[in-house]
Amino acid sequence: MTTTQVRFPARTTQEFKALMKTDSAQYQFIRSMEDWHQELQREDADKNPVSRLSKSDIDAFTESLIFNNGGLAGARYDTLARTLTFYEFESVLNRFGIHMDLFRTEGPEGGDGFRDSKCMSQSPFPWVLSIGDLCTSNCIFKSPA
């Protein structure tokens, strides 16, 4: 049995799964809705690219967030992608422990599914193709590995 190296932000699904199992003091990233709300309230919140979004876009993104097993399971990212620059979008993903290399992993055909996939229990896969959605290997419908 090989041990996957923990890297932050995670570049592969294996690294993401390993990152979810780490101590929150060692790797600080958004692991829960509470963490997300704290991120939005930080004193330096103006450095958070999300602060450029309208309140309705922030609310829509917040309502779409799904957390499971110590990290992000799913979200609707299209509001971020429409407004933020590439680097700002990348910065937001990094705050959830996701590197752009991992985000670019397409699902469901991509295997573990990230970009343009939505958590869904009513299918042969635990996710379906859905442009603008994100379903991580931490999906609530996937069995933990």
N, C-alpha and C. Protein backbone atom coordinates (compact mmCIF):
# COMPACT_ATOMS: atom_id res chain seq x y z
N MET A 1 0.84 -1.18 0.00
CA MET A 1 0.00 0.00 0.00
C MET A 1 0.89 1.24 0.00
N THR A 2 0.67 2.11 -0.96
CA THR A 2 1.46 3.33 -1.03
C THR A 2 0.71 4.47 -0.35
N THR A 3 1.48 5.35 0.25
CA THR A 3 0.91 6.52 0.91
C THR A 3 1.00 7.70 -0.03
N THR A 4 -0.09 8.38 -0.22
CA THR A 4 -0.12 9.56 -1.08
C THR A 4 0.46 10.75 -0.33
N GLN A 5 1.35 11.46 -0.99
CA GLN A 5 1.93 12.66 -0.41
C GLN A 5 0.83 13.72 -0.28
N VAL A 6 0.82 14.39 0.86
CA VAL A 6 -0.13 15.48 1.05
C VAL A 6 0.49 16.74 0.45
N ARG A 7 -0.23 17.36 -0.44
CA ARG A 7 0.23 18.60 -1.06
C ARG A 7 -0.91 19.61 -0.95
N PHE A 8 -0.54 20.85 -0.67
CA PHE A 8 -1.55 21.90 -0.57
C PHE A 8 -1.21 23.04 -1.51
N PRO A 9 -2.13 23.43 -2.35
CA PRO A 9 -3.40 22.78 -2.61
C PRO A 9 -3.20 21.48 -3.40
N ALA A 10 -4.18 20.60 -3.31
CA ALA A 10 -4.10 19.27 -3.93
C ALA A 10 -4.18 19.38 -5.45
N ARG A 11 -3.31 18.61 -6.12
CA ARG A 11 -3.28 18.59 -7.59
C ARG A 11 -3.94 17.36 -8.18
N THR A 12 -4.15 16.33 -7.36
CA THR A 12 -4.77 15.09 -7.84
C THR A 12 -5.88 14.69 -6.87
N THR A 13 -6.76 13.80 -7.32
CA THR A 13 -7.83 13.34 -6.42
C THR A 13 -7.25 12.60 -5.22
N GLN A 14 -6.16 11.87 -5.43
CA GLN A 14 -5.53 11.16 -4.31
C GLN A 14 -4.99 12.16 -3.28
N GLU A 15 -4.36 13.22 -3.75
CA GLU A 15 -3.86 14.25 -2.83
C GLU A 15 -5.01 14.95 -2.11
N PHE A 16 -6.11 15.18 -2.82
CA PHE A 16 -7.27 15.83 -2.21
C PHE A 16 -7.84 14.96 -1.09
N LYS A 17 -7.97 13.66 -1.36
CA LYS A 17 -8.48 12.74 -0.34
C LYS A 17 -7.55 12.72 0.87
N ALA A 18 -6.24 12.73 0.62
CA ALA A 18 -5.27 12.73 1.72
C ALA A 18 -5.34 14.04 2.50
N LEU A 19 -5.53 15.15 1.79
CA LEU A 19 -5.61 16.46 2.43
C LEU A 19 -6.82 16.54 3.37
N MET A 20 -7.92 15.91 2.99
CA MET A 20 -9.13 15.93 3.82
C MET A 20 -8.90 15.25 5.17
N LYS A 21 -7.93 14.36 5.22
CA LYS A 21 -7.66 13.60 6.45
C LYS A 21 -6.63 14.27 7.36
N THR A 22 -6.11 15.42 6.95
CA THR A 22 -5.07 16.09 7.73
C THR A 22 -5.64 16.89 8.88
N ASP A 23 -4.76 17.26 9.79
CA ASP A 23 -5.10 18.10 10.93
C ASP A 23 -5.35 19.52 10.43
N SER A 24 -6.44 20.12 10.88
CA SER A 24 -6.78 21.47 10.41
C SER A 24 -5.76 22.52 10.84
N ALA A 25 -5.00 22.24 11.88
CA ALA A 25 -3.96 23.19 12.30
C ALA A 25 -2.77 23.15 11.36
N GLN A 26 -2.53 21.99 10.75
CA GLN A 26 -1.39 21.84 9.85
C GLN A 26 -1.68 22.45 8.47
N TYR A 27 -2.86 22.17 7.94
CA TYR A 27 -3.25 22.70 6.63
C TYR A 27 -4.53 23.49 6.82
N GLN A 28 -4.42 24.80 6.71
CA GLN A 28 -5.58 25.64 6.93
C GLN A 28 -6.23 26.00 5.61
N PHE A 29 -7.39 25.43 5.39
CA PHE A 29 -8.18 25.73 4.22
C PHE A 29 -9.65 25.62 4.62
N ILE A 30 -10.53 26.00 3.75
CA ILE A 30 -11.96 26.00 4.06
C ILE A 30 -12.46 24.56 4.04
N ARG A 31 -12.85 24.07 5.22
CA ARG A 31 -13.29 22.69 5.39
C ARG A 31 -14.79 22.58 5.69
N SER A 32 -15.43 23.71 6.00
CA SER A 32 -16.84 23.66 6.43
C SER A 32 -17.52 24.99 6.10
N MET A 33 -18.83 25.00 6.24
CA MET A 33 -19.58 26.24 6.02
C MET A 33 -19.15 27.29 7.04
N GLU A 34 -18.87 26.86 8.26
CA GLU A 34 -18.40 27.79 9.29
C GLU A 34 -17.09 28.44 8.86
N ASP A 35 -16.16 27.63 8.32
CA ASP A 35 -14.89 28.19 7.81
C ASP A 35 -15.15 29.20 6.70
N TRP A 36 -16.10 28.90 5.81
CA TRP A 36 -16.42 29.79 4.70
C TRP A 36 -16.94 31.14 5.23
N HIS A 37 -17.85 31.08 6.19
CA HIS A 37 -18.38 32.33 6.76
C HIS A 37 -17.28 33.11 7.47
N GLN A 38 -16.37 32.42 8.13
CA GLN A 38 -15.23 33.10 8.77
C GLN A 38 -14.34 33.75 7.72
N GLU A 39 -14.15 33.07 6.60
CA GLU A 39 -13.35 33.62 5.50
C GLU A 39 -13.96 34.93 5.00
N LEU A 40 -15.26 34.97 4.88
CA LEU A 40 -15.94 36.17 4.40
C LEU A 40 -15.89 37.32 5.41
N GLN A 41 -15.70 37.00 6.69
CA GLN A 41 -15.70 38.01 7.74
C GLN A 41 -14.31 38.47 8.17
N ARG A 42 -13.27 37.88 7.61
CA ARG A 42 -11.91 38.23 8.01
C ARG A 42 -11.65 39.72 7.84
N GLU A 43 -10.76 40.25 8.68
CA GLU A 43 -10.43 41.68 8.59
C GLU A 43 -9.84 42.04 7.23
N ASP A 44 -9.10 41.12 6.66
CA ASP A 44 -8.51 41.38 5.34
C ASP A 44 -9.37 40.77 4.23
N ALA A 45 -10.68 40.71 4.46
CA ALA A 45 -11.60 40.12 3.49
C ALA A 45 -11.52 40.81 2.13
N ASP A 46 -11.08 42.08 2.13
CA ASP A 46 -10.94 42.79 0.86
C ASP A 46 -9.88 42.14 -0.03
N LYS A 47 -8.99 41.34 0.56
CA LYS A 47 -7.98 40.62 -0.22
C LYS A 47 -8.56 39.33 -0.80
N ASN A 48 -9.74 38.95 -0.36
CA ASN A 48 -10.42 37.78 -0.88
C ASN A 48 -11.10 38.18 -2.18
N PRO A 49 -10.77 37.54 -3.28
CA PRO A 49 -11.37 37.91 -4.57
C PRO A 49 -12.90 37.86 -4.56
N VAL A 50 -13.47 37.05 -3.70
CA VAL A 50 -14.93 36.94 -3.64
C VAL A 50 -15.56 38.28 -3.27
N SER A 51 -14.80 39.14 -2.59
CA SER A 51 -15.33 40.45 -2.20
C SER A 51 -15.70 41.30 -3.41
N ARG A 52 -15.21 40.94 -4.59
CA ARG A 52 -15.55 41.66 -5.82
C ARG A 52 -16.93 41.28 -6.36
N LEU A 53 -17.47 40.18 -5.85
CA LEU A 53 -18.77 39.71 -6.33
C LEU A 53 -19.90 40.50 -5.69
N SER A 54 -21.03 40.51 -6.36
CA SER A 54 -22.22 41.13 -5.78
C SER A 54 -22.70 40.27 -4.62
N LYS A 55 -23.49 40.86 -3.74
CA LYS A 55 -24.03 40.11 -2.60
C LYS A 55 -24.85 38.92 -3.09
N SER A 56 -25.63 39.12 -4.15
CA SER A 56 -26.46 38.01 -4.65
C SER A 56 -25.60 36.88 -5.20
N ASP A 57 -24.46 37.21 -5.85
CA ASP A 57 -23.56 36.16 -6.35
C ASP A 57 -22.87 35.44 -5.20
N ILE A 58 -22.46 36.18 -4.17
CA ILE A 58 -21.85 35.54 -3.00
C ILE A 58 -22.87 34.63 -2.33
N ASP A 59 -24.10 35.11 -2.20
CA ASP A 59 -25.15 34.29 -1.58
C ASP A 59 -25.43 33.03 -2.40
N ALA A 60 -25.48 33.17 -3.73
CA ALA A 60 -25.73 32.01 -4.59
C ALA A 60 -24.61 30.99 -4.46
N PHE A 61 -23.36 31.46 -4.46
CA PHE A 61 -22.22 30.55 -4.30
C PHE A 61 -22.27 29.89 -2.93
N THR A 62 -22.53 30.67 -1.90
CA THR A 62 -22.60 30.14 -0.54
C THR A 62 -23.67 29.07 -0.42
N GLU A 63 -24.84 29.32 -0.99
CA GLU A 63 -25.94 28.35 -0.93
C GLU A 63 -25.61 27.07 -1.68
N SER A 64 -24.71 27.15 -2.65
CA SER A 64 -24.37 25.96 -3.44
C SER A 64 -23.32 25.08 -2.77
N LEU A 65 -22.63 25.60 -1.76
CA LEU A 65 -21.53 24.85 -1.14
C LEU A 65 -22.04 23.62 -0.40
N ILE A 66 -21.37 22.49 -0.64
CA ILE A 66 -21.66 21.23 0.04
C ILE A 66 -20.35 20.75 0.64
N PHE A 67 -20.35 20.45 1.93
CA PHE A 67 -19.15 19.97 2.61
C PHE A 67 -19.38 18.55 3.12
N ASN A 68 -18.30 17.77 3.15
CA ASN A 68 -18.36 16.39 3.62
C ASN A 68 -16.96 15.93 3.99
N ASN A 69 -16.86 15.10 4.99
CA ASN A 69 -15.57 14.49 5.36
C ASN A 69 -14.42 15.48 5.48
N GLY A 70 -14.67 16.65 6.04
CA GLY A 70 -13.60 17.60 6.28
C GLY A 70 -13.19 18.47 5.13
N GLY A 71 -14.07 18.63 4.13
CA GLY A 71 -13.72 19.50 3.02
C GLY A 71 -14.86 19.68 2.03
N LEU A 72 -14.56 20.41 0.96
CA LEU A 72 -15.56 20.71 -0.05
C LEU A 72 -15.98 19.44 -0.79
N ALA A 73 -17.29 19.26 -0.93
CA ALA A 73 -17.81 18.13 -1.68
C ALA A 73 -18.38 18.59 -3.03
N GLY A 74 -19.00 19.77 -3.04
CA GLY A 74 -19.57 20.26 -4.28
C GLY A 74 -19.91 21.74 -4.18
N ALA A 75 -20.06 22.37 -5.35
CA ALA A 75 -20.41 23.79 -5.40
C ALA A 75 -20.78 24.16 -6.83
N ARG A 76 -21.47 25.26 -6.95
CA ARG A 76 -21.75 25.85 -8.27
C ARG A 76 -20.79 27.01 -8.43
N TYR A 77 -19.85 26.89 -9.38
CA TYR A 77 -18.77 27.87 -9.51
C TYR A 77 -18.98 28.89 -10.62
N ASP A 78 -20.04 28.76 -11.40
CA ASP A 78 -20.18 29.62 -12.58
C ASP A 78 -20.23 31.11 -12.26
N THR A 79 -20.80 31.51 -11.11
CA THR A 79 -20.83 32.93 -10.76
C THR A 79 -19.42 33.46 -10.53
N LEU A 80 -18.56 32.62 -9.97
CA LEU A 80 -17.16 33.03 -9.76
C LEU A 80 -16.44 33.16 -11.10
N ALA A 81 -16.62 32.16 -11.95
CA ALA A 81 -15.91 32.13 -13.23
C ALA A 81 -16.31 33.29 -14.14
N ARG A 82 -17.54 33.73 -14.06
CA ARG A 82 -18.00 34.84 -14.91
C ARG A 82 -17.42 36.18 -14.49
N THR A 83 -17.14 36.35 -13.20
CA THR A 83 -16.75 37.66 -12.67
C THR A 83 -15.27 37.80 -12.38
N LEU A 84 -14.67 36.76 -11.84
CA LEU A 84 -13.28 36.85 -11.39
C LEU A 84 -12.29 36.60 -12.51
N THR A 85 -11.09 37.14 -12.36
CA THR A 85 -10.01 36.81 -13.30
C THR A 85 -9.57 35.37 -13.05
N PHE A 86 -8.79 34.84 -13.94
CA PHE A 86 -8.28 33.47 -13.78
C PHE A 86 -7.55 33.33 -12.45
N TYR A 87 -6.69 34.29 -12.14
CA TYR A 87 -5.88 34.20 -10.91
C TYR A 87 -6.73 34.37 -9.66
N GLU A 88 -7.75 35.19 -9.73
CA GLU A 88 -8.67 35.33 -8.59
C GLU A 88 -9.46 34.04 -8.39
N PHE A 89 -9.93 33.46 -9.49
CA PHE A 89 -10.67 32.20 -9.42
C PHE A 89 -9.78 31.11 -8.82
N GLU A 90 -8.54 31.06 -9.29
CA GLU A 90 -7.57 30.09 -8.77
C GLU A 90 -7.36 30.30 -7.27
N SER A 91 -7.27 31.54 -6.83
CA SER A 91 -7.08 31.85 -5.41
C SER A 91 -8.25 31.34 -4.57
N VAL A 92 -9.46 31.49 -5.09
CA VAL A 92 -10.63 30.99 -4.35
C VAL A 92 -10.57 29.47 -4.25
N LEU A 93 -10.28 28.79 -5.35
CA LEU A 93 -10.18 27.32 -5.30
C LEU A 93 -9.11 26.87 -4.31
N ASN A 94 -7.97 27.57 -4.32
CA ASN A 94 -6.88 27.22 -3.40
C ASN A 94 -7.33 27.29 -1.95
N ARG A 95 -8.21 28.23 -1.64
CA ARG A 95 -8.71 28.37 -0.26
C ARG A 95 -9.51 27.15 0.17
N PHE A 96 -9.98 26.36 -0.79
CA PHE A 96 -10.70 25.12 -0.51
C PHE A 96 -9.77 23.90 -0.63
N GLY A 97 -8.48 24.15 -0.88
CA GLY A 97 -7.51 23.07 -1.01
C GLY A 97 -7.42 22.47 -2.40
N ILE A 98 -7.98 23.16 -3.39
CA ILE A 98 -8.04 22.64 -4.76
C ILE A 98 -7.12 23.45 -5.67
N HIS A 99 -6.16 22.77 -6.29
CA HIS A 99 -5.27 23.38 -7.29
C HIS A 99 -5.98 23.37 -8.64
N MET A 100 -5.63 24.28 -9.52
CA MET A 100 -6.25 24.33 -10.85
C MET A 100 -6.06 23.03 -11.62
N ASP A 101 -4.93 22.34 -11.42
CA ASP A 101 -4.74 21.05 -12.10
C ASP A 101 -5.85 20.08 -11.73
N LEU A 102 -6.24 20.08 -10.47
CA LEU A 102 -7.31 19.20 -10.00
C LEU A 102 -8.66 19.70 -10.50
N PHE A 103 -8.87 20.98 -10.48
CA PHE A 103 -10.13 21.55 -10.97
C PHE A 103 -10.35 21.17 -12.43
N ARG A 104 -9.30 21.13 -13.21
CA ARG A 104 -9.41 20.83 -14.64
C ARG A 104 -9.78 19.37 -14.90
N THR A 105 -9.76 18.52 -13.87
CA THR A 105 -10.15 17.13 -14.03
C THR A 105 -11.64 17.09 -14.32
N GLU A 106 -11.99 16.68 -15.52
CA GLU A 106 -13.40 16.70 -15.90
C GLU A 106 -14.10 15.45 -15.42
N GLY A 107 -15.33 15.57 -15.07
CA GLY A 107 -16.16 14.42 -14.71
C GLY A 107 -17.40 14.47 -15.59
N PRO A 108 -18.15 13.42 -15.65
CA PRO A 108 -17.92 12.11 -15.09
C PRO A 108 -16.90 11.28 -15.87
N GLU A 109 -16.67 11.60 -17.14
CA GLU A 109 -15.74 10.79 -17.92
C GLU A 109 -14.32 10.85 -17.38
N GLY A 110 -13.97 11.92 -16.67
CA GLY A 110 -12.63 12.09 -16.13
C GLY A 110 -12.31 11.14 -14.99
N GLY A 111 -13.25 10.30 -14.59
CA GLY A 111 -12.97 9.33 -13.55
C GLY A 111 -13.54 9.75 -12.22
N ASP A 112 -12.89 10.67 -11.53
CA ASP A 112 -13.35 11.04 -10.20
C ASP A 112 -14.18 12.31 -10.21
N GLY A 113 -14.21 12.99 -11.32
CA GLY A 113 -15.10 14.13 -11.47
C GLY A 113 -14.77 15.33 -10.63
N PHE A 114 -14.56 16.45 -11.22
CA PHE A 114 -14.42 17.72 -10.53
C PHE A 114 -15.17 18.78 -11.31
N ARG A 115 -14.54 19.34 -12.32
CA ARG A 115 -15.14 20.44 -13.08
C ARG A 115 -16.32 19.93 -13.92
N ASP A 116 -17.35 20.75 -13.94
CA ASP A 116 -18.54 20.49 -14.75
C ASP A 116 -19.21 19.16 -14.42
N SER A 117 -19.23 18.85 -13.14
CA SER A 117 -19.97 17.68 -12.67
C SER A 117 -20.71 18.07 -11.39
N LYS A 118 -21.86 17.44 -11.19
CA LYS A 118 -22.72 17.78 -10.05
C LYS A 118 -23.00 16.52 -9.25
N CYS A 119 -22.91 16.64 -7.93
CA CYS A 119 -23.23 15.51 -7.04
C CYS A 119 -24.69 15.11 -7.27
N MET A 120 -24.90 13.83 -7.52
CA MET A 120 -26.25 13.37 -7.83
C MET A 120 -26.36 11.89 -7.47
N SER A 121 -27.30 11.55 -6.66
CA SER A 121 -27.42 10.16 -6.24
C SER A 121 -28.24 9.32 -7.21
N GLN A 122 -29.03 9.94 -8.06
CA GLN A 122 -29.93 9.19 -8.93
C GLN A 122 -29.29 8.86 -10.28
N SER A 123 -28.10 8.34 -10.27
CA SER A 123 -27.45 7.97 -11.52
C SER A 123 -26.49 6.82 -11.25
N PRO A 124 -26.02 6.16 -12.31
CA PRO A 124 -25.05 5.07 -12.10
C PRO A 124 -23.77 5.58 -11.45
N PHE A 125 -23.44 6.83 -11.70
CA PHE A 125 -22.30 7.48 -11.06
C PHE A 125 -22.86 8.37 -9.95
N PRO A 126 -22.04 8.75 -8.97
CA PRO A 126 -22.55 9.66 -7.94
C PRO A 126 -22.54 11.12 -8.42
N TRP A 127 -22.33 11.35 -9.69
CA TRP A 127 -22.32 12.71 -10.24
C TRP A 127 -22.76 12.65 -11.69
N VAL A 128 -23.20 13.77 -12.21
CA VAL A 128 -23.61 13.88 -13.60
C VAL A 128 -22.96 15.11 -14.20
N LEU A 129 -22.87 15.14 -15.52
CA LEU A 129 -22.33 16.29 -16.22
C LEU A 129 -23.23 17.49 -15.96
N SER A 130 -22.63 18.60 -15.54
CA SER A 130 -23.39 19.82 -15.27
C SER A 130 -22.44 21.01 -15.38
N ILE A 131 -22.51 21.71 -16.50
CA ILE A 131 -21.62 22.84 -16.74
C ILE A 131 -21.80 23.89 -15.64
N GLY A 132 -20.68 24.31 -15.03
CA GLY A 132 -20.72 25.33 -13.99
C GLY A 132 -20.78 24.77 -12.58
N ASP A 133 -20.83 23.43 -12.46
CA ASP A 133 -20.84 22.80 -11.15
C ASP A 133 -19.53 22.08 -10.90
N LEU A 134 -19.28 21.82 -9.64
CA LEU A 134 -18.06 21.16 -9.18
C LEU A 134 -18.46 20.05 -8.22
N CYS A 135 -18.01 18.83 -8.48
CA CYS A 135 -18.27 17.70 -7.59
C CYS A 135 -16.91 17.06 -7.29
N THR A 136 -16.48 17.12 -6.04
CA THR A 136 -15.15 16.62 -5.69
C THR A 136 -15.18 15.15 -5.33
N SER A 137 -14.00 14.58 -5.13
CA SER A 137 -13.89 13.19 -4.69
C SER A 137 -14.41 13.04 -3.26
N ASN A 138 -14.80 14.13 -2.66
CA ASN A 138 -15.36 14.18 -1.31
C ASN A 138 -16.89 14.18 -1.35
N CYS A 139 -17.46 13.94 -2.51
CA CYS A 139 -18.90 14.00 -2.73
C CYS A 139 -19.65 13.18 -1.69
N ILE A 140 -20.79 13.70 -1.27
CA ILE A 140 -21.57 13.01 -0.24
C ILE A 140 -22.14 11.68 -0.73
N PHE A 141 -22.18 11.47 -2.04
CA PHE A 141 -22.71 10.22 -2.59
C PHE A 141 -21.61 9.22 -2.94
N LYS A 142 -20.35 9.61 -2.79
CA LYS A 142 -19.23 8.71 -3.06
C LYS A 142 -18.79 8.07 -1.76
N SER A 143 -18.43 6.81 -1.82
CA SER A 143 -17.96 6.16 -0.60
C SER A 143 -16.53 6.61 -0.33
N PRO A 144 -16.18 6.94 0.94
CA PRO A 144 -14.83 7.39 1.25
C PRO A 144 -13.81 6.30 0.98
N ALA A 145 -12.65 6.71 0.45
CA ALA A 145 -11.59 5.73 0.15
C ALA A 145 -10.37 6.04 0.98
